[in-house]
Amino acid sequence: FNSMSVEIKEYTDHLIKKNQEVQSIINGIGGLLMILNPQLDIIAINDKSMEALGKAPEEVCGRKCYEVLAGSGEICKGCIIEEALKTRSKTYTRIAFNEDIFQNTYFPILTKDDEATEIVVYSQKITKRVMLEKELSQSEKMSEIGQLTSAIAHELKNPLAVIKGSAYLLKASKEYQDETVDLSVDTILQTTDYAEKVIYNLLE
């Protein structure tokens, strides 16, 4: 009995140590992290999550995740925890909550028989990243528009130069000394000047 008692104590101490190690790892993670059972009850939660929620562990553990996080009586719209448990594979999703965007990663914990008994939910606020992605996408679009505009402007400059040159030749030619022709040539030159200004503005 004494040796069995010593073995049980050693085993219990080992389990407590392992549990503390796991909890330290969980608390060391920067984002929000929870471990849920298939019924979506919170089994464990890291310090960062409790800080964000402003609640103590006893107020959180044992309750449904959607009750604690969203203050709702039903599963959040777009939640894919059940799907991740069924497929038993790592899954990602992005959700909007209040004015922020979160990326959630779901890691099912599997038994030897490949059954999902629990799921780790890791959530990171990515609002700034998403805004930066949108800004970069917009910058790329503007850059493409700029390149296209530049190409069009250069293509238009050549025929305008030909029109302008031809108009100057007509004006200088002595064969067409006619008031009507002069007015038409002046109109062509004014119009080409205007078109050139529009092209240079586009290029700028």
N, C-alpha and C. Protein backbone atom coordinates (compact mmCIF):
# COMPACT_ATOMS: atom_id res chain seq x y z
N PHE A 1 0.83 -1.21 0.00
CA PHE A 1 0.00 0.00 0.00
C PHE A 1 0.86 1.26 0.00
N ASN A 2 1.95 1.21 0.81
CA ASN A 2 2.85 2.37 0.88
C ASN A 2 3.50 2.65 -0.47
N SER A 3 4.00 1.60 -1.14
CA SER A 3 4.64 1.79 -2.45
C SER A 3 3.60 2.26 -3.48
N MET A 4 2.38 1.71 -3.39
CA MET A 4 1.32 2.13 -4.31
C MET A 4 0.96 3.59 -4.05
N SER A 5 0.92 3.98 -2.81
CA SER A 5 0.62 5.36 -2.43
C SER A 5 1.68 6.32 -2.96
N VAL A 6 2.96 5.90 -2.87
CA VAL A 6 4.08 6.71 -3.38
C VAL A 6 3.96 6.86 -4.90
N GLU A 7 3.64 5.75 -5.59
CA GLU A 7 3.49 5.77 -7.05
C GLU A 7 2.35 6.71 -7.47
N ILE A 8 1.22 6.62 -6.75
CA ILE A 8 0.06 7.49 -7.05
C ILE A 8 0.44 8.95 -6.85
N LYS A 9 1.16 9.23 -5.74
CA LYS A 9 1.58 10.61 -5.46
C LYS A 9 2.51 11.12 -6.56
N GLU A 10 3.47 10.28 -6.96
CA GLU A 10 4.41 10.68 -8.02
C GLU A 10 3.66 10.95 -9.33
N TYR A 11 2.71 10.05 -9.63
CA TYR A 11 1.93 10.19 -10.86
C TYR A 11 1.07 11.46 -10.80
N THR A 12 0.47 11.71 -9.63
CA THR A 12 -0.36 12.91 -9.44
C THR A 12 0.50 14.16 -9.57
N ASP A 13 1.67 14.15 -8.94
CA ASP A 13 2.59 15.30 -9.04
C ASP A 13 3.00 15.54 -10.49
N HIS A 14 3.24 14.43 -11.22
CA HIS A 14 3.62 14.52 -12.64
C HIS A 14 2.48 15.16 -13.45
N LEU A 15 1.24 14.72 -13.17
CA LEU A 15 0.07 15.27 -13.88
C LEU A 15 -0.11 16.75 -13.57
N ILE A 16 0.06 17.12 -12.30
CA ILE A 16 -0.08 18.53 -11.90
C ILE A 16 0.97 19.38 -12.61
N LYS A 17 2.21 18.84 -12.67
CA LYS A 17 3.30 19.56 -13.34
C LYS A 17 2.99 19.74 -14.83
N LYS A 18 2.52 18.65 -15.47
CA LYS A 18 2.18 18.72 -16.90
C LYS A 18 1.04 19.71 -17.13
N ASN A 19 0.06 19.70 -16.23
CA ASN A 19 -1.08 20.61 -16.34
C ASN A 19 -0.61 22.06 -16.23
N GLN A 20 0.34 22.31 -15.31
CA GLN A 20 0.89 23.65 -15.15
C GLN A 20 1.67 24.08 -16.39
N GLU A 21 2.40 23.13 -16.96
CA GLU A 21 3.16 23.42 -18.19
C GLU A 21 2.21 23.80 -19.33
N VAL A 22 1.16 23.01 -19.48
CA VAL A 22 0.16 23.27 -20.54
C VAL A 22 -0.48 24.64 -20.32
N GLN A 23 -0.86 24.94 -19.06
CA GLN A 23 -1.48 26.23 -18.75
C GLN A 23 -0.52 27.38 -19.02
N SER A 24 0.78 27.18 -18.73
CA SER A 24 1.79 28.22 -19.00
C SER A 24 1.91 28.47 -20.50
N ILE A 25 1.87 27.38 -21.28
CA ILE A 25 1.93 27.50 -22.76
C ILE A 25 0.72 28.26 -23.25
N ILE A 26 -0.46 27.88 -22.74
CA ILE A 26 -1.72 28.54 -23.15
C ILE A 26 -1.66 30.03 -22.81
N ASN A 27 -1.19 30.35 -21.61
CA ASN A 27 -1.13 31.76 -21.18
C ASN A 27 -0.05 32.55 -21.92
N GLY A 28 0.96 31.84 -22.43
CA GLY A 28 2.03 32.50 -23.16
C GLY A 28 1.64 32.91 -24.57
N ILE A 29 0.51 32.41 -25.04
CA ILE A 29 0.04 32.72 -26.40
C ILE A 29 -0.60 34.10 -26.40
N GLY A 30 -0.22 34.91 -27.37
CA GLY A 30 -0.65 36.30 -27.41
C GLY A 30 -2.12 36.54 -27.69
N GLY A 31 -2.72 35.75 -28.56
CA GLY A 31 -4.12 35.96 -28.91
C GLY A 31 -5.07 35.35 -27.90
N LEU A 32 -6.35 35.32 -28.25
CA LEU A 32 -7.36 34.70 -27.41
C LEU A 32 -7.39 33.21 -27.70
N LEU A 33 -7.31 32.40 -26.65
CA LEU A 33 -7.27 30.95 -26.84
C LEU A 33 -8.19 30.26 -25.85
N MET A 34 -9.00 29.33 -26.36
CA MET A 34 -9.92 28.56 -25.52
C MET A 34 -9.89 27.10 -25.95
N ILE A 35 -10.19 26.22 -25.01
CA ILE A 35 -10.40 24.81 -25.33
C ILE A 35 -11.86 24.51 -25.02
N LEU A 36 -12.56 23.97 -26.01
CA LEU A 36 -13.99 23.68 -25.87
C LEU A 36 -14.25 22.19 -26.01
N ASN A 37 -15.34 21.72 -25.42
CA ASN A 37 -15.78 20.34 -25.68
C ASN A 37 -16.76 20.36 -26.86
N PRO A 38 -17.19 19.20 -27.37
CA PRO A 38 -18.09 19.20 -28.54
C PRO A 38 -19.42 19.92 -28.31
N GLN A 39 -19.80 20.10 -27.05
CA GLN A 39 -21.05 20.82 -26.74
C GLN A 39 -20.82 22.34 -26.66
N LEU A 40 -19.60 22.76 -26.97
CA LEU A 40 -19.17 24.16 -27.00
C LEU A 40 -19.07 24.80 -25.61
N ASP A 41 -18.86 23.96 -24.58
CA ASP A 41 -18.57 24.47 -23.24
C ASP A 41 -17.09 24.79 -23.15
N ILE A 42 -16.75 25.89 -22.49
CA ILE A 42 -15.34 26.28 -22.32
C ILE A 42 -14.72 25.43 -21.22
N ILE A 43 -13.66 24.70 -21.57
CA ILE A 43 -12.95 23.85 -20.60
C ILE A 43 -11.77 24.61 -20.01
N ALA A 44 -11.04 25.31 -20.88
CA ALA A 44 -9.88 26.09 -20.44
C ALA A 44 -9.80 27.36 -21.28
N ILE A 45 -9.17 28.37 -20.70
CA ILE A 45 -9.07 29.67 -21.38
C ILE A 45 -7.78 30.35 -20.93
N ASN A 46 -7.14 31.09 -21.82
CA ASN A 46 -5.88 31.73 -21.42
C ASN A 46 -6.11 33.10 -20.77
N ASP A 47 -5.06 33.61 -20.13
CA ASP A 47 -5.15 34.88 -19.40
C ASP A 47 -5.53 36.05 -20.31
N LYS A 48 -4.99 36.03 -21.54
CA LYS A 48 -5.27 37.12 -22.50
C LYS A 48 -6.77 37.20 -22.78
N SER A 49 -7.42 36.05 -22.92
CA SER A 49 -8.87 36.01 -23.18
C SER A 49 -9.64 36.58 -22.00
N MET A 50 -9.24 36.18 -20.79
CA MET A 50 -9.94 36.65 -19.60
C MET A 50 -9.73 38.15 -19.41
N GLU A 51 -8.53 38.62 -19.77
CA GLU A 51 -8.23 40.06 -19.72
C GLU A 51 -9.17 40.82 -20.65
N ALA A 52 -9.31 40.29 -21.89
CA ALA A 52 -10.15 40.92 -22.90
C ALA A 52 -11.62 40.91 -22.49
N LEU A 53 -12.03 39.81 -21.88
CA LEU A 53 -13.43 39.67 -21.46
C LEU A 53 -13.71 40.39 -20.15
N GLY A 54 -12.66 40.61 -19.36
CA GLY A 54 -12.82 41.24 -18.05
C GLY A 54 -13.55 40.33 -17.07
N LYS A 55 -13.27 39.03 -17.17
CA LYS A 55 -13.94 38.05 -16.31
C LYS A 55 -12.92 37.11 -15.68
N ALA A 56 -13.34 36.50 -14.57
CA ALA A 56 -12.50 35.52 -13.87
C ALA A 56 -12.74 34.14 -14.47
N PRO A 57 -11.78 33.18 -14.30
CA PRO A 57 -11.95 31.84 -14.88
C PRO A 57 -13.25 31.14 -14.46
N GLU A 58 -13.65 31.32 -13.18
CA GLU A 58 -14.87 30.65 -12.71
C GLU A 58 -16.14 31.19 -13.37
N GLU A 59 -16.07 32.43 -13.90
CA GLU A 59 -17.22 33.01 -14.60
C GLU A 59 -17.31 32.50 -16.04
N VAL A 60 -16.22 31.94 -16.53
CA VAL A 60 -16.11 31.56 -17.94
C VAL A 60 -16.16 30.04 -18.13
N CYS A 61 -15.34 29.31 -17.39
CA CYS A 61 -15.25 27.86 -17.58
C CYS A 61 -16.57 27.17 -17.24
N GLY A 62 -16.94 26.22 -18.12
CA GLY A 62 -18.19 25.49 -17.94
C GLY A 62 -19.37 26.12 -18.66
N ARG A 63 -19.18 27.34 -19.18
CA ARG A 63 -20.26 28.00 -19.92
C ARG A 63 -20.04 27.88 -21.42
N LYS A 64 -21.11 28.07 -22.18
CA LYS A 64 -21.02 28.00 -23.64
C LYS A 64 -20.21 29.19 -24.16
N CYS A 65 -19.42 28.94 -25.19
CA CYS A 65 -18.56 30.00 -25.74
C CYS A 65 -19.38 31.18 -26.26
N TYR A 66 -20.51 30.89 -26.92
CA TYR A 66 -21.31 31.97 -27.49
C TYR A 66 -21.99 32.81 -26.40
N GLU A 67 -22.24 32.22 -25.23
CA GLU A 67 -22.79 32.99 -24.10
C GLU A 67 -21.75 33.98 -23.59
N VAL A 68 -20.53 33.47 -23.43
CA VAL A 68 -19.45 34.28 -22.85
C VAL A 68 -18.97 35.35 -23.83
N LEU A 69 -18.74 34.97 -25.10
CA LEU A 69 -18.15 35.89 -26.08
C LEU A 69 -19.16 36.86 -26.68
N ALA A 70 -20.35 36.36 -27.02
CA ALA A 70 -21.31 37.21 -27.72
C ALA A 70 -22.53 37.56 -26.87
N GLY A 71 -22.62 36.98 -25.67
CA GLY A 71 -23.79 37.24 -24.82
C GLY A 71 -25.07 36.76 -25.47
N SER A 72 -24.95 35.67 -26.24
CA SER A 72 -26.07 35.14 -27.00
C SER A 72 -26.51 33.78 -26.44
N GLY A 73 -27.75 33.44 -26.73
CA GLY A 73 -28.27 32.14 -26.29
C GLY A 73 -28.16 31.08 -27.36
N GLU A 74 -27.59 31.46 -28.50
CA GLU A 74 -27.43 30.47 -29.58
C GLU A 74 -26.09 30.63 -30.28
N ILE A 75 -25.71 29.61 -31.04
CA ILE A 75 -24.40 29.59 -31.73
C ILE A 75 -24.29 30.80 -32.65
N CYS A 76 -23.09 31.40 -32.66
CA CYS A 76 -22.84 32.59 -33.50
C CYS A 76 -23.04 32.26 -34.98
N LYS A 77 -23.54 33.24 -35.71
CA LYS A 77 -23.73 33.09 -37.15
C LYS A 77 -22.37 32.91 -37.82
N GLY A 78 -22.25 31.93 -38.67
CA GLY A 78 -20.99 31.68 -39.40
C GLY A 78 -19.98 30.87 -38.62
N CYS A 79 -20.35 30.40 -37.41
CA CYS A 79 -19.43 29.59 -36.60
C CYS A 79 -19.22 28.23 -37.28
N ILE A 80 -17.96 27.80 -37.35
CA ILE A 80 -17.67 26.53 -38.04
C ILE A 80 -17.03 25.51 -37.11
N ILE A 81 -17.23 25.69 -35.80
CA ILE A 81 -16.65 24.75 -34.83
C ILE A 81 -17.20 23.34 -35.07
N GLU A 82 -18.52 23.24 -35.24
CA GLU A 82 -19.13 21.92 -35.45
C GLU A 82 -18.59 21.25 -36.71
N GLU A 83 -18.38 22.05 -37.75
CA GLU A 83 -17.83 21.52 -39.01
C GLU A 83 -16.39 21.03 -38.80
N ALA A 84 -15.60 21.81 -38.02
CA ALA A 84 -14.22 21.43 -37.73
C ALA A 84 -14.17 20.14 -36.91
N LEU A 85 -15.13 19.97 -36.00
CA LEU A 85 -15.20 18.73 -35.20
C LEU A 85 -15.57 17.54 -36.08
N LYS A 86 -16.47 17.77 -37.04
CA LYS A 86 -16.90 16.67 -37.94
C LYS A 86 -15.77 16.27 -38.88
N THR A 87 -15.12 17.28 -39.48
CA THR A 87 -14.05 16.98 -40.46
C THR A 87 -12.75 16.57 -39.78
N ARG A 88 -12.62 16.90 -38.48
CA ARG A 88 -11.44 16.58 -37.69
C ARG A 88 -10.17 17.16 -38.32
N SER A 89 -10.33 18.36 -38.88
CA SER A 89 -9.16 19.00 -39.51
C SER A 89 -9.10 20.47 -39.11
N LYS A 90 -7.89 21.02 -39.19
CA LYS A 90 -7.66 22.42 -38.84
C LYS A 90 -8.45 23.30 -39.81
N THR A 91 -9.16 24.28 -39.27
CA THR A 91 -10.01 25.14 -40.08
C THR A 91 -9.79 26.60 -39.71
N TYR A 92 -9.98 27.48 -40.69
CA TYR A 92 -9.82 28.92 -40.46
C TYR A 92 -11.10 29.66 -40.84
N THR A 93 -11.32 30.78 -40.19
CA THR A 93 -12.43 31.65 -40.58
C THR A 93 -12.14 33.07 -40.10
N ARG A 94 -12.74 34.04 -40.77
CA ARG A 94 -12.66 35.44 -40.35
C ARG A 94 -14.05 35.90 -39.95
N ILE A 95 -14.15 36.58 -38.80
CA ILE A 95 -15.46 37.08 -38.38
C ILE A 95 -15.33 38.54 -37.95
N ALA A 96 -16.40 39.29 -38.19
CA ALA A 96 -16.46 40.68 -37.74
C ALA A 96 -17.21 40.72 -36.42
N PHE A 97 -16.62 41.39 -35.44
CA PHE A 97 -17.25 41.51 -34.13
C PHE A 97 -17.09 42.94 -33.66
N ASN A 98 -18.22 43.62 -33.42
CA ASN A 98 -18.24 45.06 -33.15
C ASN A 98 -17.55 45.77 -34.31
N GLU A 99 -16.45 46.47 -34.04
CA GLU A 99 -15.77 47.18 -35.14
C GLU A 99 -14.48 46.51 -35.54
N ASP A 100 -14.25 45.31 -35.03
CA ASP A 100 -12.99 44.60 -35.30
C ASP A 100 -13.22 43.35 -36.14
N ILE A 101 -12.12 42.91 -36.77
CA ILE A 101 -12.13 41.67 -37.55
C ILE A 101 -11.18 40.70 -36.87
N PHE A 102 -11.65 39.47 -36.68
CA PHE A 102 -10.85 38.44 -36.02
C PHE A 102 -10.64 37.27 -36.97
N GLN A 103 -9.43 36.69 -36.91
CA GLN A 103 -9.17 35.44 -37.62
C GLN A 103 -9.16 34.33 -36.59
N ASN A 104 -10.06 33.36 -36.76
CA ASN A 104 -10.15 32.24 -35.84
C ASN A 104 -9.56 30.99 -36.49
N THR A 105 -8.78 30.27 -35.70
CA THR A 105 -8.22 29.00 -36.15
C THR A 105 -8.73 27.92 -35.20
N TYR A 106 -9.20 26.82 -35.76
CA TYR A 106 -9.79 25.74 -34.96
C TYR A 106 -8.94 24.48 -35.11
N PHE A 107 -8.44 23.96 -33.98
CA PHE A 107 -7.60 22.76 -33.97
C PHE A 107 -8.32 21.65 -33.20
N PRO A 108 -8.92 20.68 -33.87
CA PRO A 108 -9.56 19.58 -33.12
C PRO A 108 -8.52 18.71 -32.41
N ILE A 109 -8.82 18.32 -31.16
CA ILE A 109 -7.95 17.42 -30.40
C ILE A 109 -8.52 16.01 -30.58
N LEU A 110 -7.69 15.12 -31.16
CA LEU A 110 -8.16 13.78 -31.54
C LEU A 110 -7.66 12.70 -30.57
N THR A 111 -8.50 11.68 -30.40
CA THR A 111 -8.10 10.51 -29.60
C THR A 111 -7.34 9.54 -30.50
N LYS A 112 -6.87 8.42 -29.93
CA LYS A 112 -6.19 7.39 -30.74
C LYS A 112 -7.11 6.83 -31.81
N ASP A 113 -8.43 6.83 -31.52
CA ASP A 113 -9.42 6.31 -32.48
C ASP A 113 -9.86 7.37 -33.49
N ASP A 114 -9.14 8.51 -33.54
CA ASP A 114 -9.41 9.58 -34.49
C ASP A 114 -10.77 10.26 -34.23
N GLU A 115 -11.17 10.33 -32.98
CA GLU A 115 -12.40 11.03 -32.61
C GLU A 115 -12.04 12.39 -32.03
N ALA A 116 -12.81 13.41 -32.40
CA ALA A 116 -12.57 14.76 -31.88
C ALA A 116 -13.30 14.92 -30.56
N THR A 117 -12.54 14.97 -29.47
CA THR A 117 -13.15 15.08 -28.14
C THR A 117 -13.19 16.53 -27.64
N GLU A 118 -12.25 17.33 -28.13
CA GLU A 118 -12.17 18.74 -27.75
C GLU A 118 -11.67 19.53 -28.95
N ILE A 119 -11.78 20.85 -28.86
CA ILE A 119 -11.28 21.70 -29.94
C ILE A 119 -10.63 22.95 -29.35
N VAL A 120 -9.47 23.29 -29.90
CA VAL A 120 -8.76 24.50 -29.48
C VAL A 120 -9.17 25.61 -30.45
N VAL A 121 -9.62 26.73 -29.89
CA VAL A 121 -10.01 27.88 -30.71
C VAL A 121 -9.03 29.01 -30.42
N TYR A 122 -8.32 29.43 -31.47
CA TYR A 122 -7.33 30.51 -31.33
C TYR A 122 -7.80 31.69 -32.16
N SER A 123 -7.95 32.83 -31.53
CA SER A 123 -8.50 34.00 -32.20
C SER A 123 -7.53 35.17 -32.12
N GLN A 124 -7.29 35.80 -33.27
CA GLN A 124 -6.38 36.94 -33.35
C GLN A 124 -7.11 38.12 -33.98
N LYS A 125 -6.90 39.32 -33.40
CA LYS A 125 -7.49 40.52 -33.99
C LYS A 125 -6.63 40.92 -35.19
N ILE A 126 -7.25 41.01 -36.36
CA ILE A 126 -6.48 41.30 -37.58
C ILE A 126 -7.03 42.53 -38.31
N THR A 127 -7.73 43.40 -37.56
CA THR A 127 -8.34 44.58 -38.19
C THR A 127 -7.31 45.40 -38.95
N LYS A 128 -6.15 45.69 -38.31
CA LYS A 128 -5.11 46.52 -38.94
C LYS A 128 -4.56 45.83 -40.18
N ARG A 129 -4.36 44.50 -40.08
CA ARG A 129 -3.82 43.75 -41.22
C ARG A 129 -4.79 43.81 -42.41
N VAL A 130 -6.09 43.63 -42.13
CA VAL A 130 -7.11 43.66 -43.19
C VAL A 130 -7.14 45.04 -43.84
N MET A 131 -7.08 46.10 -43.00
CA MET A 131 -7.08 47.47 -43.54
C MET A 131 -5.86 47.70 -44.42
N LEU A 132 -4.70 47.18 -43.98
CA LEU A 132 -3.46 47.31 -44.76
C LEU A 132 -3.58 46.56 -46.08
N GLU A 133 -4.17 45.34 -46.03
CA GLU A 133 -4.38 44.55 -47.25
C GLU A 133 -5.25 45.32 -48.24
N LYS A 134 -6.32 45.97 -47.72
CA LYS A 134 -7.22 46.74 -48.58
C LYS A 134 -6.49 47.93 -49.19
N GLU A 135 -5.68 48.61 -48.35
CA GLU A 135 -4.90 49.76 -48.84
C GLU A 135 -3.92 49.33 -49.93
N LEU A 136 -3.24 48.18 -49.71
CA LEU A 136 -2.29 47.67 -50.70
C LEU A 136 -3.00 47.31 -52.00
N SER A 137 -4.18 46.67 -51.85
CA SER A 137 -4.97 46.29 -53.02
C SER A 137 -5.39 47.53 -53.80
N GLN A 138 -5.82 48.58 -53.06
CA GLN A 138 -6.22 49.83 -53.69
C GLN A 138 -5.03 50.48 -54.38
N SER A 139 -3.86 50.45 -53.73
CA SER A 139 -2.64 51.03 -54.32
C SER A 139 -2.27 50.31 -55.61
N GLU A 140 -2.40 48.97 -55.60
CA GLU A 140 -2.10 48.17 -56.80
C GLU A 140 -3.05 48.55 -57.93
N LYS A 141 -4.34 48.70 -57.58
CA LYS A 141 -5.34 49.07 -58.60
C LYS A 141 -5.01 50.44 -59.18
N MET A 142 -4.66 51.39 -58.28
CA MET A 142 -4.33 52.75 -58.74
C MET A 142 -3.07 52.72 -59.61
N SER A 143 -2.12 51.88 -59.25
CA SER A 143 -0.89 51.75 -60.04
C SER A 143 -1.21 51.22 -61.44
N GLU A 144 -2.09 50.20 -61.50
CA GLU A 144 -2.49 49.62 -62.79
C GLU A 144 -3.22 50.66 -63.64
N ILE A 145 -4.12 51.44 -62.99
CA ILE A 145 -4.85 52.49 -63.71
C ILE A 145 -3.85 53.52 -64.24
N GLY A 146 -2.86 53.87 -63.40
CA GLY A 146 -1.83 54.83 -63.81
C GLY A 146 -1.05 54.35 -65.03
N GLN A 147 -0.67 53.08 -65.02
CA GLN A 147 0.09 52.50 -66.14
C GLN A 147 -0.75 52.50 -67.42
N LEU A 148 -2.03 52.13 -67.26
CA LEU A 148 -2.94 52.09 -68.41
C LEU A 148 -3.13 53.49 -68.98
N THR A 149 -3.36 54.46 -68.08
CA THR A 149 -3.56 55.85 -68.50
C THR A 149 -2.32 56.38 -69.22
N SER A 150 -1.16 56.07 -68.66
CA SER A 150 0.10 56.51 -69.27
C SER A 150 0.26 55.95 -70.68
N ALA A 151 -0.06 54.66 -70.83
CA ALA A 151 0.06 54.01 -72.15
C ALA A 151 -0.90 54.65 -73.15
N ILE A 152 -2.14 54.91 -72.70
CA ILE A 152 -3.14 55.53 -73.60
C ILE A 152 -2.68 56.94 -73.99
N ALA A 153 -2.21 57.71 -72.99
CA ALA A 153 -1.77 59.08 -73.24
C ALA A 153 -0.64 59.12 -74.26
N HIS A 154 0.34 58.21 -74.13
CA HIS A 154 1.46 58.17 -75.09
C HIS A 154 0.98 57.78 -76.48
N GLU A 155 0.01 56.87 -76.54
CA GLU A 155 -0.54 56.45 -77.84
C GLU A 155 -1.28 57.61 -78.52
N LEU A 156 -1.93 58.46 -77.71
CA LEU A 156 -2.68 59.59 -78.28
C LEU A 156 -1.78 60.76 -78.70
N LYS A 157 -0.61 60.87 -78.05
CA LYS A 157 0.29 61.98 -78.37
C LYS A 157 0.78 61.92 -79.82
N ASN A 158 1.03 60.71 -80.32
CA ASN A 158 1.57 60.57 -81.69
C ASN A 158 0.60 61.08 -82.78
N PRO A 159 -0.68 60.59 -82.79
CA PRO A 159 -1.57 61.12 -83.83
C PRO A 159 -1.84 62.62 -83.67
N LEU A 160 -1.84 63.11 -82.42
CA LEU A 160 -2.05 64.56 -82.20
C LEU A 160 -0.91 65.37 -82.80
N ALA A 161 0.31 64.86 -82.66
CA ALA A 161 1.48 65.54 -83.23
C ALA A 161 1.36 65.62 -84.76
N VAL A 162 0.86 64.54 -85.36
CA VAL A 162 0.69 64.50 -86.83
C VAL A 162 -0.37 65.53 -87.25
N ILE A 163 -1.51 65.55 -86.49
CA ILE A 163 -2.60 66.50 -86.80
C ILE A 163 -2.08 67.94 -86.67
N LYS A 164 -1.37 68.21 -85.58
CA LYS A 164 -0.85 69.55 -85.31
C LYS A 164 0.14 69.98 -86.40
N GLY A 165 1.04 69.06 -86.76
CA GLY A 165 2.03 69.35 -87.81
C GLY A 165 1.37 69.63 -89.14
N SER A 166 0.36 68.83 -89.48
CA SER A 166 -0.36 69.01 -90.75
C SER A 166 -1.09 70.36 -90.76
N ALA A 167 -1.67 70.74 -89.60
CA ALA A 167 -2.38 72.02 -89.50
C ALA A 167 -1.42 73.18 -89.71
N TYR A 168 -0.20 73.10 -89.13
CA TYR A 168 0.81 74.15 -89.32
C TYR A 168 1.22 74.25 -90.80
N LEU A 169 1.36 73.09 -91.46
CA LEU A 169 1.73 73.08 -92.89
C LEU A 169 0.64 73.74 -93.74
N LEU A 170 -0.64 73.45 -93.40
CA LEU A 170 -1.76 74.07 -94.12
C LEU A 170 -1.75 75.59 -93.95
N LYS A 171 -1.50 76.02 -92.71
CA LYS A 171 -1.50 77.45 -92.39
C LYS A 171 -0.35 78.17 -93.12
N ALA A 172 0.79 77.49 -93.22
CA ALA A 172 1.96 78.09 -93.87
C ALA A 172 1.88 78.03 -95.40
N SER A 173 1.04 77.11 -95.90
CA SER A 173 0.96 76.92 -97.35
C SER A 173 0.28 78.12 -98.00
N LYS A 174 0.84 78.55 -99.15
CA LYS A 174 0.29 79.71 -99.85
C LYS A 174 -0.87 79.31 -100.74
N GLU A 175 -1.02 78.01 -100.98
CA GLU A 175 -2.09 77.54 -101.86
C GLU A 175 -3.46 77.70 -101.21
N TYR A 176 -3.50 77.67 -99.89
CA TYR A 176 -4.79 77.72 -99.20
C TYR A 176 -4.95 79.02 -98.44
N GLN A 177 -4.74 80.12 -99.06
CA GLN A 177 -4.94 81.41 -98.41
C GLN A 177 -6.41 81.76 -98.54
N ASP A 178 -7.17 81.20 -97.61
CA ASP A 178 -8.62 81.39 -97.61
C ASP A 178 -9.08 81.57 -96.17
N GLU A 179 -10.00 82.53 -95.98
CA GLU A 179 -10.43 82.85 -94.61
C GLU A 179 -11.10 81.65 -93.93
N THR A 180 -11.93 80.92 -94.66
CA THR A 180 -12.64 79.76 -94.12
C THR A 180 -11.66 78.67 -93.73
N VAL A 181 -10.67 78.43 -94.60
CA VAL A 181 -9.65 77.42 -94.32
C VAL A 181 -8.82 77.84 -93.11
N ASP A 182 -8.46 79.13 -93.04
CA ASP A 182 -7.69 79.65 -91.91
C ASP A 182 -8.43 79.44 -90.58
N LEU A 183 -9.74 79.73 -90.60
CA LEU A 183 -10.56 79.54 -89.38
C LEU A 183 -10.59 78.07 -88.96
N SER A 184 -10.75 77.18 -89.94
CA SER A 184 -10.78 75.74 -89.66
C SER A 184 -9.44 75.27 -89.11
N VAL A 185 -8.34 75.76 -89.71
CA VAL A 185 -7.00 75.37 -89.25
C VAL A 185 -6.76 75.87 -87.83
N ASP A 186 -7.21 77.12 -87.53
CA ASP A 186 -7.07 77.67 -86.17
C ASP A 186 -7.85 76.82 -85.16
N THR A 187 -9.05 76.41 -85.57
CA THR A 187 -9.88 75.55 -84.70
C THR A 187 -9.16 74.22 -84.43
N ILE A 188 -8.55 73.65 -85.48
CA ILE A 188 -7.80 72.38 -85.33
C ILE A 188 -6.65 72.58 -84.36
N LEU A 189 -5.90 73.68 -84.51
CA LEU A 189 -4.74 73.93 -83.64
C LEU A 189 -5.16 74.16 -82.18
N GLN A 190 -6.25 74.92 -81.99
CA GLN A 190 -6.76 75.15 -80.62
C GLN A 190 -7.19 73.83 -79.97
N THR A 191 -7.89 73.01 -80.77
CA THR A 191 -8.40 71.73 -80.26
C THR A 191 -7.25 70.78 -79.92
N THR A 192 -6.24 70.75 -80.78
CA THR A 192 -5.09 69.86 -80.50
C THR A 192 -4.31 70.34 -79.28
N ASP A 193 -4.21 71.69 -79.12
CA ASP A 193 -3.56 72.24 -77.92
C ASP A 193 -4.31 71.80 -76.66
N TYR A 194 -5.65 71.88 -76.73
CA TYR A 194 -6.48 71.49 -75.57
C TYR A 194 -6.29 69.99 -75.28
N ALA A 195 -6.31 69.19 -76.35
CA ALA A 195 -6.14 67.74 -76.20
C ALA A 195 -4.77 67.41 -75.59
N GLU A 196 -3.74 68.13 -76.00
CA GLU A 196 -2.39 67.92 -75.47
C GLU A 196 -2.33 68.24 -73.98
N LYS A 197 -3.02 69.35 -73.58
CA LYS A 197 -3.06 69.72 -72.15
C LYS A 197 -3.73 68.61 -71.33
N VAL A 198 -4.81 68.06 -71.87
CA VAL A 198 -5.53 66.97 -71.18
C VAL A 198 -4.59 65.76 -71.02
N ILE A 199 -3.83 65.44 -72.07
CA ILE A 199 -2.90 64.30 -72.03
C ILE A 199 -1.79 64.54 -71.01
N TYR A 200 -1.22 65.77 -71.00
CA TYR A 200 -0.15 66.06 -70.03
C TYR A 200 -0.66 66.02 -68.59
N ASN A 201 -1.90 66.49 -68.41
CA ASN A 201 -2.52 66.40 -67.05
C ASN A 201 -2.68 64.95 -66.63
N LEU A 202 -3.10 64.11 -67.57
CA LEU A 202 -3.24 62.68 -67.29
C LEU A 202 -1.91 62.06 -66.90
N LEU A 203 -0.86 62.41 -67.65
CA LEU A 203 0.47 61.87 -67.37
C LEU A 203 0.98 62.33 -66.02
N GLU A 204 0.71 63.60 -65.67
CA GLU A 204 1.11 64.11 -64.35
C GLU A 204 0.38 63.36 -63.25
